[in-house]
Amino acid sequence: MLATVDQHDDTSPEIGGIAVDRLRSIIERVERLEEERKALSGDIKDIFAEAKSAGFDVRTIKQILKLRRLEPSAIEEQETLLDIYRRALGM
């Protein structure tokens, strides 16, 4: 679906019914955020490397980070199911 401008004004030129300045602004904002995400991803990778060199298990840290994003009830439900499945498999 194309975004069009209902009003014609001189500050927002249109080509083919598309507000060019608005489109350019949106694209440039996404590009900036993608660059920031790339930089942040590199920073996170560096932190995991630091954790690993300090003797921490990165896989466990990632698991903890995932759990911290969940609600306490969801964590409890996951742990209960994990326990049930372990017992069912004799673990």
PDB file of N, CA and C in Angstrom:
ATOM      1  N   MET A   1       0.840  -1.169   0.000  1.00  0.00           N
ATOM      2  CA  MET A   1       0.000   0.000   0.000  1.00  0.00           C
ATOM      3  C   MET A   1       0.884   1.231   0.000  1.00  0.00           C
ATOM      4  N   LEU A   2       0.655   2.148  -0.917  1.00  0.00           N
ATOM      5  CA  LEU A   2       1.467   3.337  -1.026  1.00  0.00           C
ATOM      6  C   LEU A   2       0.933   4.449  -0.142  1.00  0.00           C
ATOM      7  N   ALA A   3       1.841   5.175   0.483  1.00  0.00           N
ATOM      8  CA  ALA A   3       1.440   6.331   1.279  1.00  0.00           C
ATOM      9  C   ALA A   3       1.321   7.512   0.339  1.00  0.00           C
ATOM     10  N   THR A   4       0.197   8.167   0.361  1.00  0.00           N
ATOM     11  CA  THR A   4       0.001   9.342  -0.477  1.00  0.00           C
ATOM     12  C   THR A   4      -0.338  10.525   0.402  1.00  0.00           C
ATOM     13  N   VAL A   5      -0.186  11.691  -0.156  1.00  0.00           N
ATOM     14  CA  VAL A   5      -0.482  12.918   0.563  1.00  0.00           C
ATOM     15  C   VAL A   5      -1.807  13.460   0.060  1.00  0.00           C
ATOM     16  N   ASP A   6      -2.703  13.772   0.983  1.00  0.00           N
ATOM     17  CA  ASP A   6      -4.009  14.290   0.614  1.00  0.00           C
ATOM     18  C   ASP A   6      -3.928  15.748   0.174  1.00  0.00           C
ATOM     19  N   GLN A   7      -3.035  16.513   0.794  1.00  0.00           N
ATOM     20  CA  GLN A   7      -2.923  17.938   0.494  1.00  0.00           C
ATOM     21  C   GLN A   7      -1.689  18.172  -0.355  1.00  0.00           C
ATOM     22  N   HIS A   8      -1.792  19.117  -1.252  1.00  0.00           N
ATOM     23  CA  HIS A   8      -0.640  19.489  -2.062  1.00  0.00           C
ATOM     24  C   HIS A   8      -0.056  20.765  -1.482  1.00  0.00           C
ATOM     25  N   ASP A   9       1.196  20.698  -1.040  1.00  0.00           N
ATOM     26  CA  ASP A   9       1.858  21.910  -0.587  1.00  0.00           C
ATOM     27  C   ASP A   9       3.238  21.959  -1.215  1.00  0.00           C
ATOM     28  N   ASP A  10       3.833  23.123  -1.231  1.00  0.00           N
ATOM     29  CA  ASP A  10       5.110  23.313  -1.903  1.00  0.00           C
ATOM     30  C   ASP A  10       6.277  22.717  -1.135  1.00  0.00           C
ATOM     31  N   THR A  11       6.093  22.398   0.141  1.00  0.00           N
ATOM     32  CA  THR A  11       7.203  21.877   0.942  1.00  0.00           C
ATOM     33  C   THR A  11       7.368  20.373   0.798  1.00  0.00           C
ATOM     34  N   SER A  12       6.406  19.686   0.239  1.00  0.00           N
ATOM     35  CA  SER A  12       6.482  18.243   0.098  1.00  0.00           C
ATOM     36  C   SER A  12       6.164  17.851  -1.342  1.00  0.00           C
ATOM     37  N   PRO A  13       7.174  17.906  -2.216  1.00  0.00           N
ATOM     38  CA  PRO A  13       6.902  17.567  -3.615  1.00  0.00           C
ATOM     39  C   PRO A  13       6.490  16.112  -3.752  1.00  0.00           C
ATOM     40  N   GLU A  14       5.650  15.863  -4.742  1.00  0.00           N
ATOM     41  CA  GLU A  14       5.166  14.516  -4.975  1.00  0.00           C
ATOM     42  C   GLU A  14       5.588  14.044  -6.353  1.00  0.00           C
ATOM     43  N   ILE A  15       5.855  12.767  -6.438  1.00  0.00           N
ATOM     44  CA  ILE A  15       6.122  12.130  -7.725  1.00  0.00           C
ATOM     45  C   ILE A  15       5.262  10.888  -7.748  1.00  0.00           C
ATOM     46  N   GLY A  16       4.380  10.820  -8.710  1.00  0.00           N
ATOM     47  CA  GLY A  16       3.497   9.656  -8.808  1.00  0.00           C
ATOM     48  C   GLY A  16       2.608   9.487  -7.594  1.00  0.00           C
ATOM     49  N   GLY A  17       2.247  10.581  -6.929  1.00  0.00           N
ATOM     50  CA  GLY A  17       1.379  10.511  -5.756  1.00  0.00           C
ATOM     51  C   GLY A  17       2.121  10.166  -4.481  1.00  0.00           C
ATOM     52  N   ILE A  18       3.450  10.125  -4.525  1.00  0.00           N
ATOM     53  CA  ILE A  18       4.242   9.789  -3.349  1.00  0.00           C
ATOM     54  C   ILE A  18       4.923  11.039  -2.820  1.00  0.00           C
ATOM     55  N   ALA A  19       4.827  11.289  -1.516  1.00  0.00           N
ATOM     56  CA  ALA A  19       5.497  12.419  -0.882  1.00  0.00           C
ATOM     57  C   ALA A  19       6.989  12.077  -0.787  1.00  0.00           C
ATOM     58  N   VAL A  20       7.775  12.634  -1.671  1.00  0.00           N
ATOM     59  CA  VAL A  20       9.188  12.291  -1.800  1.00  0.00           C
ATOM     60  C   VAL A  20       9.969  12.562  -0.520  1.00  0.00           C
ATOM     61  N   ASP A  21       9.789  13.747   0.057  1.00  0.00           N
ATOM     62  CA  ASP A  21      10.536  14.093   1.269  1.00  0.00           C
ATOM     63  C   ASP A  21      10.198  13.154   2.415  1.00  0.00           C
ATOM     64  N   ARG A  22       8.946  12.810   2.544  1.00  0.00           N
ATOM     65  CA  ARG A  22       8.517  11.905   3.614  1.00  0.00           C
ATOM     66  C   ARG A  22       9.115  10.523   3.410  1.00  0.00           C
ATOM     67  N   LEU A  23       9.080  10.037   2.172  1.00  0.00           N
ATOM     68  CA  LEU A  23       9.653   8.733   1.851  1.00  0.00           C
ATOM     69  C   LEU A  23      11.150   8.720   2.133  1.00  0.00           C
ATOM     70  N   ARG A  24      11.849   9.757   1.691  1.00  0.00           N
ATOM     71  CA  ARG A  24      13.292   9.850   1.926  1.00  0.00           C
ATOM     72  C   ARG A  24      13.597   9.866   3.425  1.00  0.00           C
ATOM     73  N   SER A  25      12.811  10.614   4.188  1.00  0.00           N
ATOM     74  CA  SER A  25      12.994  10.701   5.633  1.00  0.00           C
ATOM     75  C   SER A  25      12.826   9.329   6.290  1.00  0.00           C
ATOM     76  N   ILE A  26      11.805   8.604   5.891  1.00  0.00           N
ATOM     77  CA  ILE A  26      11.557   7.276   6.459  1.00  0.00           C
ATOM     78  C   ILE A  26      12.710   6.338   6.145  1.00  0.00           C
ATOM     79  N   ILE A  27      13.141   6.322   4.896  1.00  0.00           N
ATOM     80  CA  ILE A  27      14.232   5.440   4.488  1.00  0.00           C
ATOM     81  C   ILE A  27      15.513   5.791   5.225  1.00  0.00           C
ATOM     82  N   GLU A  28      15.826   7.070   5.329  1.00  0.00           N
ATOM     83  CA  GLU A  28      17.053   7.485   6.017  1.00  0.00           C
ATOM     84  C   GLU A  28      17.014   7.155   7.506  1.00  0.00           C
ATOM     85  N   ARG A  29      15.843   7.287   8.132  1.00  0.00           N
ATOM     86  CA  ARG A  29      15.723   6.925   9.548  1.00  0.00           C
ATOM     87  C   ARG A  29      15.951   5.437   9.759  1.00  0.00           C
ATOM     88  N   VAL A  30      15.377   4.622   8.886  1.00  0.00           N
ATOM     89  CA  VAL A  30      15.577   3.170   8.995  1.00  0.00           C
ATOM     90  C   VAL A  30      17.049   2.834   8.780  1.00  0.00           C
ATOM     91  N   GLU A  31      17.682   3.476   7.811  1.00  0.00           N
ATOM     92  CA  GLU A  31      19.106   3.222   7.564  1.00  0.00           C
ATOM     93  C   GLU A  31      19.954   3.573   8.779  1.00  0.00           C
ATOM     94  N   ARG A  32      19.658   4.701   9.416  1.00  0.00           N
ATOM     95  CA  ARG A  32      20.403   5.087  10.624  1.00  0.00           C
ATOM     96  C   ARG A  32      20.204   4.071  11.744  1.00  0.00           C
ATOM     97  N   LEU A  33      18.968   3.637  11.924  1.00  0.00           N
ATOM     98  CA  LEU A  33      18.690   2.651  12.973  1.00  0.00           C
ATOM     99  C   LEU A  33      19.366   1.316  12.676  1.00  0.00           C
ATOM    100  N   GLU A  34      19.413   0.927  11.409  1.00  0.00           N
ATOM    101  CA  GLU A  34      20.107  -0.307  11.056  1.00  0.00           C
ATOM    102  C   GLU A  34      21.596  -0.207  11.364  1.00  0.00           C
ATOM    103  N   GLU A  35      22.188   0.955  11.109  1.00  0.00           N
ATOM    104  CA  GLU A  35      23.592   1.168  11.447  1.00  0.00           C
ATOM    105  C   GLU A  35      23.804   1.095  12.957  1.00  0.00           C
ATOM    106  N   GLU A  36      22.893   1.709  13.715  1.00  0.00           N
ATOM    107  CA  GLU A  36      22.979   1.646  15.179  1.00  0.00           C
ATOM    108  C   GLU A  36      22.847   0.206  15.665  1.00  0.00           C
ATOM    109  N   ARG A  37      21.917  -0.543  15.052  1.00  0.00           N
ATOM    110  CA  ARG A  37      21.727  -1.936  15.440  1.00  0.00           C
ATOM    111  C   ARG A  37      22.989  -2.741  15.151  1.00  0.00           C
ATOM    112  N   LYS A  38      23.613  -2.467  14.019  1.00  0.00           N
ATOM    113  CA  LYS A  38      24.851  -3.163  13.659  1.00  0.00           C
ATOM    114  C   LYS A  38      25.942  -2.863  14.686  1.00  0.00           C
ATOM    115  N   ALA A  39      26.062  -1.595  15.081  1.00  0.00           N
ATOM    116  CA  ALA A  39      27.063  -1.218  16.081  1.00  0.00           C
ATOM    117  C   ALA A  39      26.753  -1.866  17.428  1.00  0.00           C
ATOM    118  N   LEU A  40      25.492  -1.844  17.830  1.00  0.00           N
ATOM    119  CA  LEU A  40      25.094  -2.460  19.093  1.00  0.00           C
ATOM    120  C   LEU A  40      25.335  -3.966  19.071  1.00  0.00           C
ATOM    121  N   SER A  41      25.069  -4.591  17.940  1.00  0.00           N
ATOM    122  CA  SER A  41      25.295  -6.025  17.816  1.00  0.00           C
ATOM    123  C   SER A  41      26.777  -6.345  18.017  1.00  0.00           C
ATOM    124  N   GLY A  42      27.640  -5.513  17.462  1.00  0.00           N
ATOM    125  CA  GLY A  42      29.080  -5.690  17.663  1.00  0.00           C
ATOM    126  C   GLY A  42      29.466  -5.506  19.116  1.00  0.00           C
ATOM    127  N   ASP A  43      28.855  -4.520  19.772  1.00  0.00           N
ATOM    128  CA  ASP A  43      29.124  -4.283  21.197  1.00  0.00           C
ATOM    129  C   ASP A  43      28.697  -5.484  22.043  1.00  0.00           C
ATOM    130  N   ILE A  44      27.538  -6.034  21.738  1.00  0.00           N
ATOM    131  CA  ILE A  44      27.035  -7.197  22.475  1.00  0.00           C
ATOM    132  C   ILE A  44      27.965  -8.387  22.264  1.00  0.00           C
ATOM    133  N   LYS A  45      28.414  -8.579  21.031  1.00  0.00           N
ATOM    134  CA  LYS A  45      29.354  -9.667  20.740  1.00  0.00           C
ATOM    135  C   LYS A  45      30.633  -9.502  21.569  1.00  0.00           C
ATOM    136  N   ASP A  46      31.111  -8.262  21.675  1.00  0.00           N
ATOM    137  CA  ASP A  46      32.312  -7.989  22.471  1.00  0.00           C
ATOM    138  C   ASP A  46      32.083  -8.314  23.950  1.00  0.00           C
ATOM    139  N   ILE A  47      30.901  -8.000  24.457  1.00  0.00           N
ATOM    140  CA  ILE A  47      30.585  -8.276  25.862  1.00  0.00           C
ATOM    141  C   ILE A  47      30.550  -9.781  26.106  1.00  0.00           C
ATOM    142  N   PHE A  48      29.966 -10.529  25.165  1.00  0.00           N
ATOM    143  CA  PHE A  48      29.957 -11.985  25.313  1.00  0.00           C
ATOM    144  C   PHE A  48      31.372 -12.551  25.271  1.00  0.00           C
ATOM    145  N   ALA A  49      32.221 -11.991  24.429  1.00  0.00           N
ATOM    146  CA  ALA A  49      33.619 -12.438  24.378  1.00  0.00           C
ATOM    147  C   ALA A  49      34.315 -12.142  25.706  1.00  0.00           C
ATOM    148  N   GLU A  50      34.015 -10.973  26.274  1.00  0.00           N
ATOM    149  CA  GLU A  50      34.573 -10.613  27.583  1.00  0.00           C
ATOM    150  C   GLU A  50      34.105 -11.590  28.661  1.00  0.00           C
ATOM    151  N   ALA A  51      32.814 -11.918  28.627  1.00  0.00           N
ATOM    152  CA  ALA A  51      32.258 -12.859  29.609  1.00  0.00           C
ATOM    153  C   ALA A  51      32.930 -14.225  29.476  1.00  0.00           C
ATOM    154  N   LYS A  52      33.113 -14.661  28.227  1.00  0.00           N
ATOM    155  CA  LYS A  52      33.747 -15.959  27.996  1.00  0.00           C
ATOM    156  C   LYS A  52      35.187 -15.958  28.501  1.00  0.00           C
ATOM    157  N   SER A  53      35.908 -14.868  28.248  1.00  0.00           N
ATOM    158  CA  SER A  53      37.301 -14.806  28.699  1.00  0.00           C
ATOM    159  C   SER A  53      37.391 -14.724  30.224  1.00  0.00           C
ATOM    160  N   ALA A  54      36.307 -14.274  30.867  1.00  0.00           N
ATOM    161  CA  ALA A  54      36.278 -14.209  32.332  1.00  0.00           C
ATOM    162  C   ALA A  54      35.830 -15.543  32.940  1.00  0.00           C
ATOM    163  N   GLY A  55      35.550 -16.534  32.076  1.00  0.00           N
ATOM    164  CA  GLY A  55      35.188 -17.849  32.572  1.00  0.00           C
ATOM    165  C   GLY A  55      33.697 -18.127  32.663  1.00  0.00           C
ATOM    166  N   PHE A  56      32.879 -17.205  32.192  1.00  0.00           N
ATOM    167  CA  PHE A  56      31.433 -17.414  32.231  1.00  0.00           C
ATOM    168  C   PHE A  56      30.985 -18.211  31.010  1.00  0.00           C
ATOM    169  N   ASP A  57      29.915 -18.974  31.172  1.00  0.00           N
ATOM    170  CA  ASP A  57      29.339 -19.736  30.072  1.00  0.00           C
ATOM    171  C   ASP A  57      28.353 -18.840  29.316  1.00  0.00           C
ATOM    172  N   VAL A  58      28.702 -18.484  28.091  1.00  0.00           N
ATOM    173  CA  VAL A  58      27.903 -17.546  27.304  1.00  0.00           C
ATOM    174  C   VAL A  58      26.518 -18.104  27.006  1.00  0.00           C
ATOM    175  N   ARG A  59      26.426 -19.388  26.735  1.00  0.00           N
ATOM    176  CA  ARG A  59      25.121 -19.985  26.448  1.00  0.00           C
ATOM    177  C   ARG A  59      24.182 -19.822  27.638  1.00  0.00           C
ATOM    178  N   THR A  60      24.704 -19.993  28.837  1.00  0.00           N
ATOM    179  CA  THR A  60      23.893 -19.830  30.041  1.00  0.00           C
ATOM    180  C   THR A  60      23.497 -18.365  30.234  1.00  0.00           C
ATOM    181  N   ILE A  61      24.408 -17.461  29.960  1.00  0.00           N
ATOM    182  CA  ILE A  61      24.089 -16.029  30.063  1.00  0.00           C
ATOM    183  C   ILE A  61      22.962 -15.675  29.097  1.00  0.00           C
ATOM    184  N   LYS A  62      23.020 -16.181  27.874  1.00  0.00           N
ATOM    185  CA  LYS A  62      21.968 -15.910  26.889  1.00  0.00           C
ATOM    186  C   LYS A  62      20.631 -16.481  27.349  1.00  0.00           C
ATOM    187  N   GLN A  63      20.687 -17.643  27.990  1.00  0.00           N
ATOM    188  CA  GLN A  63      19.466 -18.256  28.515  1.00  0.00           C
ATOM    189  C   GLN A  63      18.867 -17.384  29.623  1.00  0.00           C
ATOM    190  N   ILE A  64      19.717 -16.861  30.495  1.00  0.00           N
ATOM    191  CA  ILE A  64      19.248 -15.981  31.572  1.00  0.00           C
ATOM    192  C   ILE A  64      18.638 -14.711  30.992  1.00  0.00           C
ATOM    193  N   LEU A  65      19.281 -14.132  29.982  1.00  0.00           N
ATOM    194  CA  LEU A  65      18.749 -12.926  29.341  1.00  0.00           C
ATOM    195  C   LEU A  65      17.359 -13.191  28.753  1.00  0.00           C
ATOM    196  N   LYS A  66      17.205 -14.355  28.141  1.00  0.00           N
ATOM    197  CA  LYS A  66      15.906 -14.728  27.576  1.00  0.00           C
ATOM    198  C   LYS A  66      14.856 -14.852  28.677  1.00  0.00           C
ATOM    199  N   LEU A  67      15.226 -15.477  29.789  1.00  0.00           N
ATOM    200  CA  LEU A  67      14.287 -15.639  30.904  1.00  0.00           C
ATOM    201  C   LEU A  67      13.898 -14.298  31.524  1.00  0.00           C
ATOM    202  N   ARG A  68      14.845 -13.371  31.589  1.00  0.00           N
ATOM    203  CA  ARG A  68      14.562 -12.067  32.206  1.00  0.00           C
ATOM    204  C   ARG A  68      13.545 -11.258  31.408  1.00  0.00           C
ATOM    205  N   ARG A  69      13.368 -11.606  30.130  1.00  0.00           N
ATOM    206  CA  ARG A  69      12.374 -10.907  29.302  1.00  0.00           C
ATOM    207  C   ARG A  69      10.962 -11.449  29.523  1.00  0.00           C
ATOM    208  N   LEU A  70      10.866 -12.607  30.169  1.00  0.00           N
ATOM    209  CA  LEU A  70       9.566 -13.250  30.379  1.00  0.00           C
ATOM    210  C   LEU A  70       8.924 -12.816  31.697  1.00  0.00           C
ATOM    211  N   GLU A  71       7.634 -12.986  31.745  1.00  0.00           N
ATOM    212  CA  GLU A  71       6.892 -12.764  32.980  1.00  0.00           C
ATOM    213  C   GLU A  71       7.194 -13.915  33.935  1.00  0.00           C
ATOM    214  N   PRO A  72       7.156 -13.672  35.252  1.00  0.00           N
ATOM    215  CA  PRO A  72       7.418 -14.748  36.221  1.00  0.00           C
ATOM    216  C   PRO A  72       6.524 -15.982  36.017  1.00  0.00           C
ATOM    217  N   SER A  73       5.275 -15.785  35.657  1.00  0.00           N
ATOM    218  CA  SER A  73       4.377 -16.924  35.448  1.00  0.00           C
ATOM    219  C   SER A  73       4.811 -17.758  34.240  1.00  0.00           C
ATOM    220  N   ALA A  74       5.322 -17.112  33.215  1.00  0.00           N
ATOM    221  CA  ALA A  74       5.805 -17.839  32.038  1.00  0.00           C
ATOM    222  C   ALA A  74       7.058 -18.634  32.372  1.00  0.00           C
ATOM    223  N   ILE A  75       7.920 -18.057  33.200  1.00  0.00           N
ATOM    224  CA  ILE A  75       9.132 -18.764  33.628  1.00  0.00           C
ATOM    225  C   ILE A  75       8.747 -20.002  34.432  1.00  0.00           C
ATOM    226  N   GLU A  76       7.815 -19.830  35.351  1.00  0.00           N
ATOM    227  CA  GLU A  76       7.368 -20.946  36.186  1.00  0.00           C
ATOM    228  C   GLU A  76       6.767 -22.053  35.324  1.00  0.00           C
ATOM    229  N   GLU A  77       5.968 -21.667  34.344  1.00  0.00           N
ATOM    230  CA  GLU A  77       5.352 -22.652  33.456  1.00  0.00           C
ATOM    231  C   GLU A  77       6.425 -23.409  32.667  1.00  0.00           C
ATOM    232  N   GLN A  78       7.422 -22.692  32.147  1.00  0.00           N
ATOM    233  CA  GLN A  78       8.509 -23.343  31.412  1.00  0.00           C
ATOM    234  C   GLN A  78       9.285 -24.312  32.291  1.00  0.00           C
ATOM    235  N   GLU A  79       9.599 -23.879  33.496  1.00  0.00           N
ATOM    236  CA  GLU A  79      10.358 -24.739  34.411  1.00  0.00           C
ATOM    237  C   GLU A  79       9.562 -25.976  34.794  1.00  0.00           C
ATOM    238  N   THR A  80       8.261 -25.824  34.994  1.00  0.00           N
ATOM    239  CA  THR A  80       7.401 -26.958  35.335  1.00  0.00           C
ATOM    240  C   THR A  80       7.370 -27.958  34.186  1.00  0.00           C
ATOM    241  N   LEU A  81       7.172 -27.449  32.962  1.00  0.00           N
ATOM    242  CA  LEU A  81       7.144 -28.341  31.802  1.00  0.00           C
ATOM    243  C   LEU A  81       8.483 -29.034  31.601  1.00  0.00           C
ATOM    244  N   LEU A  82       9.558 -28.301  31.785  1.00  0.00           N
ATOM    245  CA  LEU A  82      10.890 -28.889  31.649  1.00  0.00           C
ATOM    246  C   LEU A  82      11.077 -30.019  32.657  1.00  0.00           C
ATOM    247  N   ASP A  83      10.650 -29.795  33.882  1.00  0.00           N
ATOM    248  CA  ASP A  83      10.754 -30.821  34.923  1.00  0.00           C
ATOM    249  C   ASP A  83       9.911 -32.048  34.561  1.00  0.00           C
ATOM    250  N   ILE A  84       8.686 -31.832  34.086  1.00  0.00           N
ATOM    251  CA  ILE A  84       7.806 -32.935  33.690  1.00  0.00           C
ATOM    252  C   ILE A  84       8.436 -33.732  32.555  1.00  0.00           C
ATOM    253  N   TYR A  85       8.951 -33.046  31.556  1.00  0.00           N
ATOM    254  CA  TYR A  85       9.568 -33.723  30.413  1.00  0.00           C
ATOM    255  C   TYR A  85      10.815 -34.499  30.837  1.00  0.00           C
ATOM    256  N   ARG A  86      11.622 -33.918  31.722  1.00  0.00           N
ATOM    257  CA  ARG A  86      12.819 -34.619  32.210  1.00  0.00           C
ATOM    258  C   ARG A  86      12.429 -35.922  32.921  1.00  0.00           C
ATOM    259  N   ARG A  87      11.428 -35.828  33.815  1.00  0.00           N
ATOM    260  CA  ARG A  87      10.988 -37.013  34.549  1.00  0.00           C
ATOM    261  C   ARG A  87      10.419 -38.064  33.595  1.00  0.00           C
ATOM    262  N   ALA A  88       9.686 -37.603  32.579  1.00  0.00           N
ATOM    263  CA  ALA A  88       9.109 -38.536  31.608  1.00  0.00           C
ATOM    264  C   ALA A  88      10.196 -39.290  30.838  1.00  0.00           C
ATOM    265  N   LEU A  89      11.330 -38.631  30.651  1.00  0.00           N
ATOM    266  CA  LEU A  89      12.444 -39.259  29.933  1.00  0.00           C
ATOM    267  C   LEU A  89      13.443 -39.909  30.860  1.00  0.00           C
ATOM    268  N   GLY A  90      13.169 -39.907  32.160  1.00  0.00           N
ATOM    269  CA  GLY A  90      14.040 -40.536  33.121  1.00  0.00           C
ATOM    270  C   GLY A  90      15.361 -39.792  33.321  1.00  0.00           C
ATOM    271  N   MET A  91      15.325 -38.524  33.218  1.00  0.00           N
ATOM    272  CA  MET A  91      16.534 -37.720  33.365  1.00  0.00           C
ATOM    273  C   MET A  91      16.631 -37.153  34.771  1.00  0.00           C
TER     274      MET A  91
END
